[in-house]
Amino acid sequence: MRRIRPAFAAFLVCGALLVAGIVVFGGGSHRLGGAILAVALIGFGFLLAGGLHTQGRAAEQQGMLGRRSDVGGFDRPRDQSGL
């Protein structure tokens, strides 16, 4: 029997909270529904940030420096071509 990964379980919980928040909000209890929706969206944000964090670490280990190398500026060496 396979184990459910914690991230997948958290995704299912956030999805259930999202559906419950929409149902409660649609039922007229806007304050409680909004609170449930806020918790669900914050949970999805944490899941997304965790996934993007691992990709950023992998890119960093491969030698990709990020924004600083993408933007031209004073940190680049002078052109030595003589043209």
N, C-alpha and C. Protein backbone atom coordinates (compact mmCIF):
# COMPACT_ATOMS: atom_id res chain seq x y z
N MET A 1 0.84 -1.18 0.00
CA MET A 1 0.00 0.00 0.00
C MET A 1 0.88 1.25 0.00
N ARG A 2 0.56 2.19 -0.87
CA ARG A 2 1.36 3.41 -1.00
C ARG A 2 0.96 4.43 0.06
N ARG A 3 1.97 5.16 0.53
CA ARG A 3 1.71 6.24 1.49
C ARG A 3 1.38 7.51 0.74
N ILE A 4 0.50 8.29 1.32
CA ILE A 4 0.15 9.59 0.74
C ILE A 4 1.22 10.59 1.17
N ARG A 5 1.77 11.32 0.22
CA ARG A 5 2.78 12.32 0.53
C ARG A 5 2.15 13.48 1.28
N PRO A 6 2.91 14.09 2.21
CA PRO A 6 2.34 15.19 3.00
C PRO A 6 1.89 16.38 2.15
N ALA A 7 2.63 16.69 1.09
CA ALA A 7 2.24 17.82 0.24
C ALA A 7 0.93 17.53 -0.48
N PHE A 8 0.74 16.29 -0.92
CA PHE A 8 -0.50 15.95 -1.59
C PHE A 8 -1.66 15.98 -0.62
N ALA A 9 -1.43 15.52 0.61
CA ALA A 9 -2.48 15.56 1.62
C ALA A 9 -2.85 17.02 1.95
N ALA A 10 -1.84 17.88 2.04
CA ALA A 10 -2.10 19.30 2.30
C ALA A 10 -2.86 19.93 1.13
N PHE A 11 -2.54 19.51 -0.09
CA PHE A 11 -3.26 20.00 -1.27
C PHE A 11 -4.73 19.60 -1.21
N LEU A 12 -4.99 18.36 -0.80
CA LEU A 12 -6.38 17.91 -0.69
C LEU A 12 -7.13 18.68 0.40
N VAL A 13 -6.46 18.93 1.52
CA VAL A 13 -7.09 19.68 2.61
C VAL A 13 -7.40 21.11 2.16
N CYS A 14 -6.45 21.74 1.47
CA CYS A 14 -6.68 23.12 0.99
C CYS A 14 -7.80 23.15 -0.05
N GLY A 15 -7.85 22.13 -0.89
CA GLY A 15 -8.94 22.05 -1.86
C GLY A 15 -10.29 21.89 -1.20
N ALA A 16 -10.35 21.06 -0.16
CA ALA A 16 -11.60 20.89 0.58
C ALA A 16 -12.00 22.19 1.28
N LEU A 17 -11.00 22.87 1.84
CA LEU A 17 -11.30 24.17 2.48
C LEU A 17 -11.79 25.19 1.47
N LEU A 18 -11.22 25.17 0.28
CA LEU A 18 -11.65 26.10 -0.77
C LEU A 18 -13.11 25.85 -1.14
N VAL A 19 -13.46 24.59 -1.35
CA VAL A 19 -14.85 24.26 -1.69
C VAL A 19 -15.79 24.62 -0.53
N ALA A 20 -15.37 24.30 0.70
CA ALA A 20 -16.21 24.62 1.86
C ALA A 20 -16.38 26.13 2.01
N GLY A 21 -15.31 26.88 1.76
CA GLY A 21 -15.40 28.33 1.85
C GLY A 21 -16.35 28.92 0.83
N ILE A 22 -16.31 28.37 -0.38
CA ILE A 22 -17.22 28.86 -1.42
C ILE A 22 -18.67 28.55 -1.06
N VAL A 23 -18.91 27.35 -0.54
CA VAL A 23 -20.27 26.96 -0.17
C VAL A 23 -20.79 27.83 0.98
N VAL A 24 -19.95 28.04 2.00
CA VAL A 24 -20.37 28.85 3.15
C VAL A 24 -20.56 30.30 2.73
N PHE A 25 -19.66 30.82 1.90
CA PHE A 25 -19.78 32.20 1.43
C PHE A 25 -21.05 32.37 0.59
N GLY A 26 -21.32 31.39 -0.27
CA GLY A 26 -22.53 31.45 -1.09
C GLY A 26 -23.80 31.31 -0.28
N GLY A 27 -23.69 30.66 0.88
CA GLY A 27 -24.86 30.49 1.74
C GLY A 27 -25.23 31.72 2.52
N GLY A 28 -24.42 32.75 2.47
CA GLY A 28 -24.78 34.01 3.11
C GLY A 28 -23.91 34.38 4.30
N SER A 29 -23.12 33.48 4.80
CA SER A 29 -22.24 33.80 5.93
C SER A 29 -20.91 34.28 5.36
N HIS A 30 -20.85 35.55 5.01
CA HIS A 30 -19.70 36.08 4.29
C HIS A 30 -18.45 36.15 5.16
N ARG A 31 -18.62 36.43 6.42
CA ARG A 31 -17.46 36.55 7.30
C ARG A 31 -16.76 35.21 7.49
N LEU A 32 -17.53 34.16 7.83
CA LEU A 32 -16.96 32.83 8.02
C LEU A 32 -16.45 32.26 6.70
N GLY A 33 -17.21 32.44 5.63
CA GLY A 33 -16.78 31.95 4.33
C GLY A 33 -15.51 32.62 3.85
N GLY A 34 -15.41 33.91 4.09
CA GLY A 34 -14.19 34.63 3.71
C GLY A 34 -12.99 34.17 4.51
N ALA A 35 -13.20 33.88 5.79
CA ALA A 35 -12.10 33.39 6.62
C ALA A 35 -11.62 32.02 6.15
N ILE A 36 -12.57 31.15 5.81
CA ILE A 36 -12.21 29.82 5.31
C ILE A 36 -11.47 29.94 3.98
N LEU A 37 -11.95 30.82 3.10
CA LEU A 37 -11.28 31.03 1.82
C LEU A 37 -9.87 31.59 2.01
N ALA A 38 -9.71 32.49 2.96
CA ALA A 38 -8.39 33.06 3.22
C ALA A 38 -7.41 31.99 3.69
N VAL A 39 -7.86 31.12 4.58
CA VAL A 39 -7.00 30.04 5.07
C VAL A 39 -6.63 29.10 3.92
N ALA A 40 -7.60 28.78 3.07
CA ALA A 40 -7.33 27.89 1.93
C ALA A 40 -6.33 28.51 0.97
N LEU A 41 -6.49 29.79 0.67
CA LEU A 41 -5.57 30.44 -0.27
C LEU A 41 -4.17 30.61 0.31
N ILE A 42 -4.08 30.87 1.60
CA ILE A 42 -2.77 30.94 2.24
C ILE A 42 -2.10 29.57 2.20
N GLY A 43 -2.86 28.52 2.43
CA GLY A 43 -2.32 27.16 2.34
C GLY A 43 -1.81 26.85 0.95
N PHE A 44 -2.58 27.21 -0.08
CA PHE A 44 -2.12 27.01 -1.46
C PHE A 44 -0.85 27.82 -1.73
N GLY A 45 -0.77 29.02 -1.17
CA GLY A 45 0.42 29.84 -1.35
C GLY A 45 1.65 29.19 -0.74
N PHE A 46 1.50 28.61 0.45
CA PHE A 46 2.63 27.92 1.07
C PHE A 46 3.05 26.70 0.26
N LEU A 47 2.07 25.97 -0.29
CA LEU A 47 2.41 24.82 -1.11
C LEU A 47 3.15 25.25 -2.37
N LEU A 48 2.68 26.31 -3.00
CA LEU A 48 3.32 26.81 -4.21
C LEU A 48 4.72 27.34 -3.91
N ALA A 49 4.87 28.06 -2.82
CA ALA A 49 6.18 28.59 -2.46
C ALA A 49 7.16 27.47 -2.16
N GLY A 50 6.70 26.42 -1.52
CA GLY A 50 7.57 25.28 -1.24
C GLY A 50 8.04 24.60 -2.52
N GLY A 51 7.15 24.47 -3.48
CA GLY A 51 7.53 23.87 -4.76
C GLY A 51 8.50 24.74 -5.54
N LEU A 52 8.28 26.02 -5.53
CA LEU A 52 9.18 26.93 -6.25
C LEU A 52 10.52 27.05 -5.56
N HIS A 53 10.55 26.90 -4.24
CA HIS A 53 11.80 26.98 -3.49
C HIS A 53 12.75 25.87 -3.92
N THR A 54 12.23 24.65 -4.12
CA THR A 54 13.10 23.55 -4.52
C THR A 54 13.65 23.76 -5.92
N GLN A 55 12.86 24.35 -6.82
CA GLN A 55 13.37 24.63 -8.16
C GLN A 55 14.43 25.71 -8.14
N GLY A 56 14.26 26.70 -7.29
CA GLY A 56 15.27 27.75 -7.17
C GLY A 56 16.57 27.22 -6.63
N ARG A 57 16.50 26.31 -5.68
CA ARG A 57 17.72 25.69 -5.14
C ARG A 57 18.43 24.89 -6.22
N ALA A 58 17.69 24.15 -7.04
CA ALA A 58 18.31 23.36 -8.09
C ALA A 58 19.00 24.26 -9.11
N ALA A 59 18.37 25.37 -9.47
CA ALA A 59 18.97 26.30 -10.42
C ALA A 59 20.22 26.93 -9.82
N GLU A 60 20.18 27.20 -8.53
CA GLU A 60 21.33 27.80 -7.87
C GLU A 60 22.51 26.84 -7.86
N GLN A 61 22.25 25.55 -7.67
CA GLN A 61 23.31 24.56 -7.65
C GLN A 61 23.89 24.32 -9.05
N GLN A 62 23.11 24.59 -10.09
CA GLN A 62 23.60 24.40 -11.46
C GLN A 62 24.38 25.61 -11.94
N GLY A 63 24.46 26.66 -11.16
CA GLY A 63 25.26 27.81 -11.52
C GLY A 63 24.50 28.98 -12.09
N MET A 64 23.18 28.93 -12.08
CA MET A 64 22.40 30.06 -12.57
C MET A 64 22.29 31.08 -11.44
N LEU A 65 22.73 32.29 -11.68
CA LEU A 65 22.84 33.26 -10.61
C LEU A 65 21.55 34.02 -10.34
N GLY A 66 20.69 34.14 -11.31
CA GLY A 66 19.44 34.85 -11.08
C GLY A 66 19.41 36.21 -11.71
N ARG A 67 18.69 37.13 -11.08
CA ARG A 67 18.41 38.43 -11.68
C ARG A 67 19.66 39.24 -11.99
N ARG A 68 20.65 39.17 -11.16
CA ARG A 68 21.80 40.05 -11.32
C ARG A 68 22.53 39.79 -12.64
N SER A 69 22.58 38.53 -13.09
CA SER A 69 23.26 38.25 -14.34
C SER A 69 22.39 38.57 -15.55
N ASP A 70 21.07 38.69 -15.36
CA ASP A 70 20.18 38.96 -16.48
C ASP A 70 20.15 40.43 -16.87
N VAL A 71 20.51 41.31 -15.97
CA VAL A 71 20.41 42.75 -16.20
C VAL A 71 21.80 43.31 -16.43
N GLY A 72 21.97 43.99 -17.56
CA GLY A 72 23.26 44.61 -17.82
C GLY A 72 23.50 45.80 -16.93
N GLY A 73 24.73 46.02 -16.56
CA GLY A 73 25.00 47.14 -15.68
C GLY A 73 26.48 47.25 -15.40
N PHE A 74 26.82 47.84 -14.28
CA PHE A 74 28.21 48.10 -13.95
C PHE A 74 28.97 46.87 -13.49
N ASP A 75 28.27 45.77 -13.19
CA ASP A 75 28.97 44.61 -12.69
C ASP A 75 29.59 43.77 -13.82
N ARG A 76 29.35 44.14 -15.08
CA ARG A 76 29.94 43.39 -16.19
C ARG A 76 31.31 43.96 -16.55
N PRO A 77 32.21 43.10 -16.98
CA PRO A 77 33.53 43.62 -17.38
C PRO A 77 33.46 44.44 -18.66
N ARG A 78 34.42 45.34 -18.81
CA ARG A 78 34.44 46.18 -20.02
C ARG A 78 34.72 45.34 -21.26
N ASP A 79 34.24 45.83 -22.37
CA ASP A 79 34.45 45.15 -23.65
C ASP A 79 35.92 45.29 -24.04
N GLN A 80 36.57 44.16 -24.29
CA GLN A 80 37.99 44.16 -24.62
C GLN A 80 38.23 43.97 -26.13
N SER A 81 37.21 44.14 -26.95
CA SER A 81 37.37 43.88 -28.38
C SER A 81 38.13 44.98 -29.11
N GLY A 82 38.12 46.19 -28.60
CA GLY A 82 38.85 47.28 -29.24
C GLY A 82 38.08 47.95 -30.36
N LEU A 83 36.83 47.65 -30.54
CA LEU A 83 36.05 48.29 -31.62
C LEU A 83 35.49 49.60 -31.20
